[in-house]
Amino acid sequence: MSRELMVVLIVAIVMFAGVMRARYGHRRRNEAGIEQGAGATAENQRLRDEVKQLRDRLAVLERIAVEKENSLEREIEALRDQR
């Protein structure tokens, strides 16, 4: 068998394995041999909850910033009206 054909076959096998892994959701095992599916799912949920909390906090901060901006604008207009 020629070297070029061997290289092509190796590349084809690796590509096929990658497609099969992506299609059927092959899960890697960590060093202890435990599938990471359940632990990763719990961690993903914890991170989703944390992101939701951060988004809620950001919404509050945005509201405070807008209220202060509107308040400052009203104060400036009130000072202009006093002239």
C-alpha atoms as a PDB file:
ATOM      1  CA  MET A   1       0.000   0.000   0.000  1.00  0.00           C
ATOM      2  CA  SER A   2       1.374   3.409  -0.844  1.00  0.00           C
ATOM      3  CA  ARG A   3       2.000   6.006   1.831  1.00  0.00           C
ATOM      4  CA  GLU A   4      -0.407   8.475   0.255  1.00  0.00           C
ATOM      5  CA  LEU A   5      -3.236   5.932   0.377  1.00  0.00           C
ATOM      6  CA  MET A   6      -2.445   5.151   4.019  1.00  0.00           C
ATOM      7  CA  VAL A   7      -2.550   8.855   4.902  1.00  0.00           C
ATOM      8  CA  VAL A   8      -5.877   9.260   3.106  1.00  0.00           C
ATOM      9  CA  LEU A   9      -7.322   6.241   4.928  1.00  0.00           C
ATOM     10  CA  ILE A  10      -6.141   7.512   8.324  1.00  0.00           C
ATOM     11  CA  VAL A  11      -7.648  10.939   7.679  1.00  0.00           C
ATOM     12  CA  ALA A  12     -10.910   9.335   6.510  1.00  0.00           C
ATOM     13  CA  ILE A  13     -11.111   7.145   9.624  1.00  0.00           C
ATOM     14  CA  VAL A  14     -10.483  10.097  11.932  1.00  0.00           C
ATOM     15  CA  MET A  15     -13.091  12.199  10.143  1.00  0.00           C
ATOM     16  CA  PHE A  16     -15.619   9.342  10.260  1.00  0.00           C
ATOM     17  CA  ALA A  17     -15.004   8.882  13.998  1.00  0.00           C
ATOM     18  CA  GLY A  18     -15.479  12.613  14.583  1.00  0.00           C
ATOM     19  CA  VAL A  19     -18.769  12.641  12.688  1.00  0.00           C
ATOM     20  CA  MET A  20     -20.034   9.586  14.576  1.00  0.00           C
ATOM     21  CA  ARG A  21     -19.006  11.074  17.912  1.00  0.00           C
ATOM     22  CA  ALA A  22     -20.786  14.350  17.109  1.00  0.00           C
ATOM     23  CA  ARG A  23     -23.879  12.607  15.782  1.00  0.00           C
ATOM     24  CA  TYR A  24     -24.376  10.123  18.594  1.00  0.00           C
ATOM     25  CA  GLY A  25     -23.129  12.274  21.479  1.00  0.00           C
ATOM     26  CA  HIS A  26     -20.178  10.205  22.603  1.00  0.00           C
ATOM     27  CA  ARG A  27     -19.214  11.336  26.082  1.00  0.00           C
ATOM     28  CA  ARG A  28     -15.616  11.381  27.124  1.00  0.00           C
ATOM     29  CA  ARG A  29     -14.608   9.840  30.399  1.00  0.00           C
ATOM     30  CA  ASN A  30     -12.530  11.782  32.864  1.00  0.00           C
ATOM     31  CA  GLU A  31      -9.343  10.410  34.396  1.00  0.00           C
ATOM     32  CA  ALA A  32     -11.290   8.430  37.004  1.00  0.00           C
ATOM     33  CA  GLY A  33     -13.285   6.704  34.260  1.00  0.00           C
ATOM     34  CA  ILE A  34     -16.576   8.383  35.169  1.00  0.00           C
ATOM     35  CA  GLU A  35     -18.792   9.748  32.444  1.00  0.00           C
ATOM     36  CA  GLN A  36     -19.155  13.488  32.737  1.00  0.00           C
ATOM     37  CA  GLY A  37     -22.748  13.606  31.506  1.00  0.00           C
ATOM     38  CA  ALA A  38     -24.605  13.902  34.822  1.00  0.00           C
ATOM     39  CA  GLY A  39     -22.003  16.099  36.525  1.00  0.00           C
ATOM     40  CA  ALA A  40     -21.721  18.347  33.511  1.00  0.00           C
ATOM     41  CA  THR A  41     -25.509  18.690  33.381  1.00  0.00           C
ATOM     42  CA  ALA A  42     -25.640  19.784  37.019  1.00  0.00           C
ATOM     43  CA  GLU A  43     -22.786  22.223  36.460  1.00  0.00           C
ATOM     44  CA  ASN A  44     -24.493  23.600  33.352  1.00  0.00           C
ATOM     45  CA  GLN A  45     -27.706  24.178  35.316  1.00  0.00           C
ATOM     46  CA  ARG A  46     -25.789  25.926  38.101  1.00  0.00           C
ATOM     47  CA  LEU A  47     -24.086  28.174  35.559  1.00  0.00           C
ATOM     48  CA  ARG A  48     -27.406  28.938  33.845  1.00  0.00           C
ATOM     49  CA  ASP A  49     -28.886  29.954  37.205  1.00  0.00           C
ATOM     50  CA  GLU A  50     -25.892  32.160  37.916  1.00  0.00           C
ATOM     51  CA  VAL A  51     -26.164  33.847  34.511  1.00  0.00           C
ATOM     52  CA  LYS A  52     -29.877  34.476  35.139  1.00  0.00           C
ATOM     53  CA  GLN A  53     -29.093  36.078  38.503  1.00  0.00           C
ATOM     54  CA  LEU A  54     -26.409  38.259  36.920  1.00  0.00           C
ATOM     55  CA  ARG A  55     -28.803  39.354  34.164  1.00  0.00           C
ATOM     56  CA  ASP A  56     -31.399  40.279  36.786  1.00  0.00           C
ATOM     57  CA  ARG A  57     -28.820  42.304  38.695  1.00  0.00           C
ATOM     58  CA  LEU A  58     -27.702  44.006  35.495  1.00  0.00           C
ATOM     59  CA  ALA A  59     -31.313  44.958  34.720  1.00  0.00           C
ATOM     60  CA  VAL A  60     -31.614  46.566  38.164  1.00  0.00           C
ATOM     61  CA  LEU A  61     -28.359  48.479  37.690  1.00  0.00           C
ATOM     62  CA  GLU A  62     -29.481  49.675  34.256  1.00  0.00           C
ATOM     63  CA  ARG A  63     -32.776  50.868  35.717  1.00  0.00           C
ATOM     64  CA  ILE A  64     -30.952  52.746  38.500  1.00  0.00           C
ATOM     65  CA  ALA A  65     -28.596  54.356  35.975  1.00  0.00           C
ATOM     66  CA  VAL A  66     -31.491  55.479  33.771  1.00  0.00           C
ATOM     67  CA  GLU A  67     -33.432  56.832  36.750  1.00  0.00           C
ATOM     68  CA  LYS A  68     -30.402  58.824  37.897  1.00  0.00           C
ATOM     69  CA  GLU A  69     -29.881  60.124  34.366  1.00  0.00           C
ATOM     70  CA  ASN A  70     -33.509  61.237  34.151  1.00  0.00           C
ATOM     71  CA  SER A  71     -33.299  62.761  37.618  1.00  0.00           C
ATOM     72  CA  LEU A  72     -30.145  64.670  36.700  1.00  0.00           C
ATOM     73  CA  GLU A  73     -31.776  65.886  33.492  1.00  0.00           C
ATOM     74  CA  ARG A  74     -34.779  67.177  35.467  1.00  0.00           C
ATOM     75  CA  GLU A  75     -32.510  68.987  37.910  1.00  0.00           C
ATOM     76  CA  ILE A  76     -30.619  70.671  35.052  1.00  0.00           C
ATOM     77  CA  GLU A  77     -33.893  71.762  33.442  1.00  0.00           C
ATOM     78  CA  ALA A  78     -35.104  73.098  36.793  1.00  0.00           C
ATOM     79  CA  LEU A  79     -31.913  75.164  37.147  1.00  0.00           C
ATOM     80  CA  ARG A  80     -32.364  76.530  33.617  1.00  0.00           C
ATOM     81  CA  ASP A  81     -35.931  77.504  34.406  1.00  0.00           C
ATOM     82  CA  GLN A  82     -34.745  79.498  37.454  1.00  0.00           C
ATOM     83  CA  ARG A  83     -32.737  81.902  35.289  1.00  0.00           C
END
